[in-house]
Amino acid sequence: MAYVKIYAGNFIIIQRIRKTLEDHSIIPVIKDETESARLAGFGTTAYGHQELFVHENEEEKAIEIVARTIEAFTG
């Protein structure tokens, strides 16, 4: 079961993409180094930066959804 990174960006955009992917039955995994560092007692300068991963079988469809979502968001 392999996952691929399809987007990296700020919390607000990642959450919008996550919701849109879930609406299309794709469940993403979000990696948040800031939260991981905070929980471990370390600091980081990358506040709000997250990475979004999907299963490799859903990559093509997810990338299309991400592109449309970003276009609509920044539009």
PDB file of N, CA and C in Angstrom:
ATOM      1  N   MET A   1       0.847  -1.169   0.000  1.00  0.00           N
ATOM      2  CA  MET A   1       0.000   0.000   0.000  1.00  0.00           C
ATOM      3  C   MET A   1       0.900   1.242   0.000  1.00  0.00           C
ATOM      4  N   ALA A   2       1.079   1.874  -1.126  1.00  0.00           N
ATOM      5  CA  ALA A   2       1.957   3.033  -1.242  1.00  0.00           C
ATOM      6  C   ALA A   2       1.137   4.308  -1.391  1.00  0.00           C
ATOM      7  N   TYR A   3       1.644   5.338  -0.767  1.00  0.00           N
ATOM      8  CA  TYR A   3       1.023   6.647  -0.872  1.00  0.00           C
ATOM      9  C   TYR A   3       1.985   7.604  -1.573  1.00  0.00           C
ATOM     10  N   VAL A   4       1.412   8.562  -2.306  1.00  0.00           N
ATOM     11  CA  VAL A   4       2.225   9.535  -3.030  1.00  0.00           C
ATOM     12  C   VAL A   4       1.794  10.940  -2.617  1.00  0.00           C
ATOM     13  N   LYS A   5       2.777  11.827  -2.541  1.00  0.00           N
ATOM     14  CA  LYS A   5       2.490  13.215  -2.194  1.00  0.00           C
ATOM     15  C   LYS A   5       1.972  13.923  -3.437  1.00  0.00           C
ATOM     16  N   ILE A   6       0.811  14.566  -3.288  1.00  0.00           N
ATOM     17  CA  ILE A   6       0.237  15.261  -4.444  1.00  0.00           C
ATOM     18  C   ILE A   6       0.188  16.767  -4.258  1.00  0.00           C
ATOM     19  N   TYR A   7       0.408  17.233  -3.015  1.00  0.00           N
ATOM     20  CA  TYR A   7       0.368  18.674  -2.798  1.00  0.00           C
ATOM     21  C   TYR A   7       1.025  18.998  -1.467  1.00  0.00           C
ATOM     22  N   ALA A   8       1.639  20.159  -1.395  1.00  0.00           N
ATOM     23  CA  ALA A   8       2.182  20.696  -0.146  1.00  0.00           C
ATOM     24  C   ALA A   8       1.836  22.171  -0.104  1.00  0.00           C
ATOM     25  N   GLY A   9       1.357  22.636   1.032  1.00  0.00           N
ATOM     26  CA  GLY A   9       0.982  24.031   1.130  1.00  0.00           C
ATOM     27  C   GLY A   9       0.475  24.375   2.511  1.00  0.00           C
ATOM     28  N   ASN A  10      -0.215  25.501   2.595  1.00  0.00           N
ATOM     29  CA  ASN A  10      -0.674  25.950   3.906  1.00  0.00           C
ATOM     30  C   ASN A  10      -1.941  25.219   4.343  1.00  0.00           C
ATOM     31  N   PHE A  11      -2.197  25.316   5.627  1.00  0.00           N
ATOM     32  CA  PHE A  11      -3.299  24.608   6.271  1.00  0.00           C
ATOM     33  C   PHE A  11      -4.646  24.874   5.610  1.00  0.00           C
ATOM     34  N   ILE A  12      -4.928  26.117   5.283  1.00  0.00           N
ATOM     35  CA  ILE A  12      -6.243  26.489   4.754  1.00  0.00           C
ATOM     36  C   ILE A  12      -6.513  25.818   3.408  1.00  0.00           C
ATOM     37  N   ILE A  13      -5.549  25.880   2.514  1.00  0.00           N
ATOM     38  CA  ILE A  13      -5.727  25.257   1.196  1.00  0.00           C
ATOM     39  C   ILE A  13      -5.789  23.736   1.326  1.00  0.00           C
ATOM     40  N   ILE A  14      -4.939  23.161   2.167  1.00  0.00           N
ATOM     41  CA  ILE A  14      -4.950  21.705   2.368  1.00  0.00           C
ATOM     42  C   ILE A  14      -6.317  21.244   2.866  1.00  0.00           C
ATOM     43  N   GLN A  15      -6.916  21.968   3.798  1.00  0.00           N
ATOM     44  CA  GLN A  15      -8.220  21.567   4.320  1.00  0.00           C
ATOM     45  C   GLN A  15      -9.304  21.649   3.252  1.00  0.00           C
ATOM     46  N   ARG A  16      -9.225  22.641   2.402  1.00  0.00           N
ATOM     47  CA  ARG A  16     -10.181  22.766   1.292  1.00  0.00           C
ATOM     48  C   ARG A  16     -10.027  21.593   0.326  1.00  0.00           C
ATOM     49  N   ILE A  17      -8.788  21.252   0.002  1.00  0.00           N
ATOM     50  CA  ILE A  17      -8.529  20.116  -0.897  1.00  0.00           C
ATOM     51  C   ILE A  17      -8.983  18.812  -0.249  1.00  0.00           C
ATOM     52  N   ARG A  18      -8.686  18.648   1.042  1.00  0.00           N
ATOM     53  CA  ARG A  18      -9.099  17.431   1.764  1.00  0.00           C
ATOM     54  C   ARG A  18     -10.599  17.225   1.655  1.00  0.00           C
ATOM     55  N   LYS A  19     -11.360  18.284   1.903  1.00  0.00           N
ATOM     56  CA  LYS A  19     -12.824  18.184   1.847  1.00  0.00           C
ATOM     57  C   LYS A  19     -13.299  17.806   0.444  1.00  0.00           C
ATOM     58  N   THR A  20     -12.708  18.415  -0.566  1.00  0.00           N
ATOM     59  CA  THR A  20     -13.102  18.123  -1.941  1.00  0.00           C
ATOM     60  C   THR A  20     -12.753  16.685  -2.313  1.00  0.00           C
ATOM     61  N   LEU A  21     -11.579  16.222  -1.914  1.00  0.00           N
ATOM     62  CA  LEU A  21     -11.211  14.831  -2.189  1.00  0.00           C
ATOM     63  C   LEU A  21     -12.171  13.868  -1.497  1.00  0.00           C
ATOM     64  N   GLU A  22     -12.503  14.147  -0.243  1.00  0.00           N
ATOM     65  CA  GLU A  22     -13.434  13.283   0.483  1.00  0.00           C
ATOM     66  C   GLU A  22     -14.813  13.270  -0.175  1.00  0.00           C
ATOM     67  N   ASP A  23     -15.216  14.395  -0.747  1.00  0.00           N
ATOM     68  CA  ASP A  23     -16.486  14.448  -1.479  1.00  0.00           C
ATOM     69  C   ASP A  23     -16.467  13.525  -2.700  1.00  0.00           C
ATOM     70  N   HIS A  24     -15.266  13.203  -3.195  1.00  0.00           N
ATOM     71  CA  HIS A  24     -15.101  12.298  -4.333  1.00  0.00           C
ATOM     72  C   HIS A  24     -14.627  10.905  -3.884  1.00  0.00           C
ATOM     73  N   SER A  25     -14.854  10.585  -2.615  1.00  0.00           N
ATOM     74  CA  SER A  25     -14.533   9.277  -2.030  1.00  0.00           C
ATOM     75  C   SER A  25     -13.039   8.949  -2.050  1.00  0.00           C
ATOM     76  N   ILE A  26     -12.209   9.971  -1.970  1.00  0.00           N
ATOM     77  CA  ILE A  26     -10.765   9.777  -1.838  1.00  0.00           C
ATOM     78  C   ILE A  26     -10.387  10.270  -0.442  1.00  0.00           C
ATOM     79  N   ILE A  27      -9.797   9.387   0.345  1.00  0.00           N
ATOM     80  CA  ILE A  27      -9.424   9.732   1.708  1.00  0.00           C
ATOM     81  C   ILE A  27      -7.927  10.038   1.743  1.00  0.00           C
ATOM     82  N   PRO A  28      -7.570  11.320   1.881  1.00  0.00           N
ATOM     83  CA  PRO A  28      -6.154  11.685   1.895  1.00  0.00           C
ATOM     84  C   PRO A  28      -5.526  11.519   3.279  1.00  0.00           C
ATOM     85  N   VAL A  29      -4.209  11.473   3.290  1.00  0.00           N
ATOM     86  CA  VAL A  29      -3.432  11.488   4.525  1.00  0.00           C
ATOM     87  C   VAL A  29      -2.705  12.825   4.557  1.00  0.00           C
ATOM     88  N   ILE A  30      -2.808  13.525   5.671  1.00  0.00           N
ATOM     89  CA  ILE A  30      -2.172  14.824   5.805  1.00  0.00           C
ATOM     90  C   ILE A  30      -1.022  14.709   6.792  1.00  0.00           C
ATOM     91  N   LYS A  31       0.146  15.136   6.354  1.00  0.00           N
ATOM     92  CA  LYS A  31       1.337  15.134   7.198  1.00  0.00           C
ATOM     93  C   LYS A  31       1.604  16.567   7.624  1.00  0.00           C
ATOM     94  N   ASP A  32       1.671  16.775   8.935  1.00  0.00           N
ATOM     95  CA  ASP A  32       1.869  18.107   9.494  1.00  0.00           C
ATOM     96  C   ASP A  32       3.097  18.081  10.388  1.00  0.00           C
ATOM     97  N   GLU A  33       4.235  18.506   9.854  1.00  0.00           N
ATOM     98  CA  GLU A  33       5.491  18.509  10.613  1.00  0.00           C
ATOM     99  C   GLU A  33       5.405  19.427  11.828  1.00  0.00           C
ATOM    100  N   THR A  34       4.678  20.528  11.710  1.00  0.00           N
ATOM    101  CA  THR A  34       4.552  21.466  12.821  1.00  0.00           C
ATOM    102  C   THR A  34       3.901  20.791  14.012  1.00  0.00           C
ATOM    103  N   GLU A  35       2.800  20.105  13.775  1.00  0.00           N
ATOM    104  CA  GLU A  35       2.088  19.435  14.861  1.00  0.00           C
ATOM    105  C   GLU A  35       2.918  18.292  15.429  1.00  0.00           C
ATOM    106  N   SER A  36       3.589  17.547  14.581  1.00  0.00           N
ATOM    107  CA  SER A  36       4.446  16.463  15.054  1.00  0.00           C
ATOM    108  C   SER A  36       5.564  17.001  15.937  1.00  0.00           C
ATOM    109  N   ALA A  37       6.185  18.098  15.515  1.00  0.00           N
ATOM    110  CA  ALA A  37       7.264  18.701  16.296  1.00  0.00           C
ATOM    111  C   ALA A  37       6.737  19.235  17.629  1.00  0.00           C
ATOM    112  N   ARG A  38       5.578  19.858  17.590  1.00  0.00           N
ATOM    113  CA  ARG A  38       4.994  20.394  18.821  1.00  0.00           C
ATOM    114  C   ARG A  38       4.718  19.290  19.825  1.00  0.00           C
ATOM    115  N   LEU A  39       4.143  18.200  19.349  1.00  0.00           N
ATOM    116  CA  LEU A  39       3.817  17.083  20.236  1.00  0.00           C
ATOM    117  C   LEU A  39       5.067  16.429  20.810  1.00  0.00           C
ATOM    118  N   ALA A  40       6.159  16.470  20.057  1.00  0.00           N
ATOM    119  CA  ALA A  40       7.414  15.872  20.517  1.00  0.00           C
ATOM    120  C   ALA A  40       8.233  16.837  21.379  1.00  0.00           C
ATOM    121  N   GLY A  41       7.790  18.090  21.472  1.00  0.00           N
ATOM    122  CA  GLY A  41       8.494  19.065  22.289  1.00  0.00           C
ATOM    123  C   GLY A  41       9.554  19.849  21.559  1.00  0.00           C
ATOM    124  N   PHE A  42       9.525  19.812  20.242  1.00  0.00           N
ATOM    125  CA  PHE A  42      10.487  20.559  19.442  1.00  0.00           C
ATOM    126  C   PHE A  42       9.787  21.726  18.764  1.00  0.00           C
ATOM    127  N   GLY A  43      10.562  22.686  18.325  1.00  0.00           N
ATOM    128  CA  GLY A  43      10.007  23.813  17.585  1.00  0.00           C
ATOM    129  C   GLY A  43      10.283  23.652  16.103  1.00  0.00           C
ATOM    130  N   THR A  44       9.577  24.426  15.315  1.00  0.00           N
ATOM    131  CA  THR A  44       9.788  24.429  13.872  1.00  0.00           C
ATOM    132  C   THR A  44       9.424  25.798  13.317  1.00  0.00           C
ATOM    133  N   THR A  45       9.990  26.147  12.198  1.00  0.00           N
ATOM    134  CA  THR A  45       9.679  27.440  11.582  1.00  0.00           C
ATOM    135  C   THR A  45       8.664  27.308  10.452  1.00  0.00           C
ATOM    136  N   ALA A  46       8.222  26.108  10.158  1.00  0.00           N
ATOM    137  CA  ALA A  46       7.300  25.868   9.044  1.00  0.00           C
ATOM    138  C   ALA A  46       5.857  25.795   9.542  1.00  0.00           C
ATOM    139  N   TYR A  47       5.413  26.790  10.297  1.00  0.00           N
ATOM    140  CA  TYR A  47       4.057  26.761  10.840  1.00  0.00           C
ATOM    141  C   TYR A  47       3.013  26.792   9.740  1.00  0.00           C
ATOM    142  N   GLY A  48       2.051  25.875   9.850  1.00  0.00           N
ATOM    143  CA  GLY A  48       0.953  25.835   8.910  1.00  0.00           C
ATOM    144  C   GLY A  48       1.245  25.100   7.614  1.00  0.00           C
ATOM    145  N   HIS A  49       2.464  24.601   7.440  1.00  0.00           N
ATOM    146  CA  HIS A  49       2.818  23.885   6.205  1.00  0.00           C
ATOM    147  C   HIS A  49       2.461  22.409   6.368  1.00  0.00           C
ATOM    148  N   GLN A  50       1.715  21.902   5.422  1.00  0.00           N
ATOM    149  CA  GLN A  50       1.292  20.505   5.456  1.00  0.00           C
ATOM    150  C   GLN A  50       1.528  19.858   4.104  1.00  0.00           C
ATOM    151  N   GLU A  51       1.570  18.533   4.118  1.00  0.00           N
ATOM    152  CA  GLU A  51       1.701  17.751   2.885  1.00  0.00           C
ATOM    153  C   GLU A  51       0.506  16.825   2.783  1.00  0.00           C
ATOM    154  N   LEU A  52       0.013  16.641   1.577  1.00  0.00           N
ATOM    155  CA  LEU A  52      -1.171  15.826   1.344  1.00  0.00           C
ATOM    156  C   LEU A  52      -0.801  14.622   0.485  1.00  0.00           C
ATOM    157  N   PHE A  53      -1.153  13.437   0.950  1.00  0.00           N
ATOM    158  CA  PHE A  53      -0.847  12.187   0.271  1.00  0.00           C
ATOM    159  C   PHE A  53      -2.133  11.442  -0.048  1.00  0.00           C
ATOM    160  N   VAL A  54      -2.121  10.695  -1.155  1.00  0.00           N
ATOM    161  CA  VAL A  54      -3.225   9.799  -1.492  1.00  0.00           C
ATOM    162  C   VAL A  54      -2.648   8.446  -1.902  1.00  0.00           C
ATOM    163  N   HIS A  55      -3.486   7.449  -1.887  1.00  0.00           N
ATOM    164  CA  HIS A  55      -3.062   6.122  -2.330  1.00  0.00           C
ATOM    165  C   HIS A  55      -2.695   6.199  -3.807  1.00  0.00           C
ATOM    166  N   GLU A  56      -1.661   5.470  -4.187  1.00  0.00           N
ATOM    167  CA  GLU A  56      -1.160   5.540  -5.562  1.00  0.00           C
ATOM    168  C   GLU A  56      -2.220   5.200  -6.608  1.00  0.00           C
ATOM    169  N   ASN A  57      -3.202   4.386  -6.262  1.00  0.00           N
ATOM    170  CA  ASN A  57      -4.265   4.035  -7.209  1.00  0.00           C
ATOM    171  C   ASN A  57      -5.212   5.209  -7.480  1.00  0.00           C
ATOM    172  N   GLU A  58      -5.202   6.192  -6.597  1.00  0.00           N
ATOM    173  CA  GLU A  58      -6.096   7.344  -6.738  1.00  0.00           C
ATOM    174  C   GLU A  58      -5.359   8.605  -7.184  1.00  0.00           C
ATOM    175  N   GLU A  59      -4.076   8.484  -7.477  1.00  0.00           N
ATOM    176  CA  GLU A  59      -3.234   9.648  -7.764  1.00  0.00           C
ATOM    177  C   GLU A  59      -3.744  10.486  -8.939  1.00  0.00           C
ATOM    178  N   GLU A  60      -4.024   9.874 -10.060  1.00  0.00           N
ATOM    179  CA  GLU A  60      -4.415  10.625 -11.254  1.00  0.00           C
ATOM    180  C   GLU A  60      -5.693  11.435 -11.024  1.00  0.00           C
ATOM    181  N   LYS A  61      -6.702  10.778 -10.468  1.00  0.00           N
ATOM    182  CA  LYS A  61      -7.969  11.461 -10.198  1.00  0.00           C
ATOM    183  C   LYS A  61      -7.769  12.564  -9.160  1.00  0.00           C
ATOM    184  N   ALA A  62      -6.963  12.299  -8.137  1.00  0.00           N
ATOM    185  CA  ALA A  62      -6.726  13.275  -7.077  1.00  0.00           C
ATOM    186  C   ALA A  62      -6.002  14.510  -7.601  1.00  0.00           C
ATOM    187  N   ILE A  63      -5.034  14.333  -8.481  1.00  0.00           N
ATOM    188  CA  ILE A  63      -4.295  15.468  -9.033  1.00  0.00           C
ATOM    189  C   ILE A  63      -5.231  16.376  -9.829  1.00  0.00           C
ATOM    190  N   GLU A  64      -6.148  15.792 -10.580  1.00  0.00           N
ATOM    191  CA  GLU A  64      -7.128  16.594 -11.320  1.00  0.00           C
ATOM    192  C   GLU A  64      -8.011  17.392 -10.367  1.00  0.00           C
ATOM    193  N   ILE A  65      -8.442  16.753  -9.293  1.00  0.00           N
ATOM    194  CA  ILE A  65      -9.296  17.411  -8.305  1.00  0.00           C
ATOM    195  C   ILE A  65      -8.533  18.541  -7.619  1.00  0.00           C
ATOM    196  N   VAL A  66      -7.271  18.293  -7.280  1.00  0.00           N
ATOM    197  CA  VAL A  66      -6.446  19.318  -6.638  1.00  0.00           C
ATOM    198  C   VAL A  66      -6.299  20.529  -7.558  1.00  0.00           C
ATOM    199  N   ALA A  67      -6.019  20.301  -8.815  1.00  0.00           N
ATOM    200  CA  ALA A  67      -5.845  21.403  -9.768  1.00  0.00           C
ATOM    201  C   ALA A  67      -7.119  22.242  -9.869  1.00  0.00           C
ATOM    202  N   ARG A  68      -8.273  21.585  -9.969  1.00  0.00           N
ATOM    203  CA  ARG A  68      -9.542  22.319 -10.054  1.00  0.00           C
ATOM    204  C   ARG A  68      -9.832  23.078  -8.762  1.00  0.00           C
ATOM    205  N   THR A  69      -9.532  22.460  -7.628  1.00  0.00           N
ATOM    206  CA  THR A  69      -9.794  23.088  -6.335  1.00  0.00           C
ATOM    207  C   THR A  69      -8.927  24.324  -6.149  1.00  0.00           C
ATOM    208  N   ILE A  70      -7.656  24.224  -6.491  1.00  0.00           N
ATOM    209  CA  ILE A  70      -6.750  25.367  -6.345  1.00  0.00           C
ATOM    210  C   ILE A  70      -7.175  26.497  -7.278  1.00  0.00           C
ATOM    211  N   GLU A  71      -7.549  26.141  -8.502  1.00  0.00           N
ATOM    212  CA  GLU A  71      -8.002  27.165  -9.444  1.00  0.00           C
ATOM    213  C   GLU A  71      -9.230  27.893  -8.919  1.00  0.00           C
ATOM    214  N   ALA A  72     -10.174  27.144  -8.367  1.00  0.00           N
ATOM    215  CA  ALA A  72     -11.392  27.747  -7.819  1.00  0.00           C
ATOM    216  C   ALA A  72     -11.070  28.576  -6.574  1.00  0.00           C
ATOM    217  N   PHE A  73     -10.136  28.121  -5.784  1.00  0.00           N
ATOM    218  CA  PHE A  73      -9.785  28.790  -4.534  1.00  0.00           C
ATOM    219  C   PHE A  73      -9.035  30.093  -4.774  1.00  0.00           C
ATOM    220  N   THR A  74      -8.138  30.077  -5.742  1.00  0.00           N
ATOM    221  CA  THR A  74      -7.299  31.253  -5.992  1.00  0.00           C
ATOM    222  C   THR A  74      -7.840  32.121  -7.117  1.00  0.00           C
ATOM    223  N   GLY A  75      -8.739  31.555  -7.907  1.00  0.00           N
ATOM    224  CA  GLY A  75      -9.357  32.070  -9.022  1.00  0.00           C
ATOM    225  C   GLY A  75      -9.452  33.375  -9.511  1.00  0.00           C
TER     226      GLY A  75
END
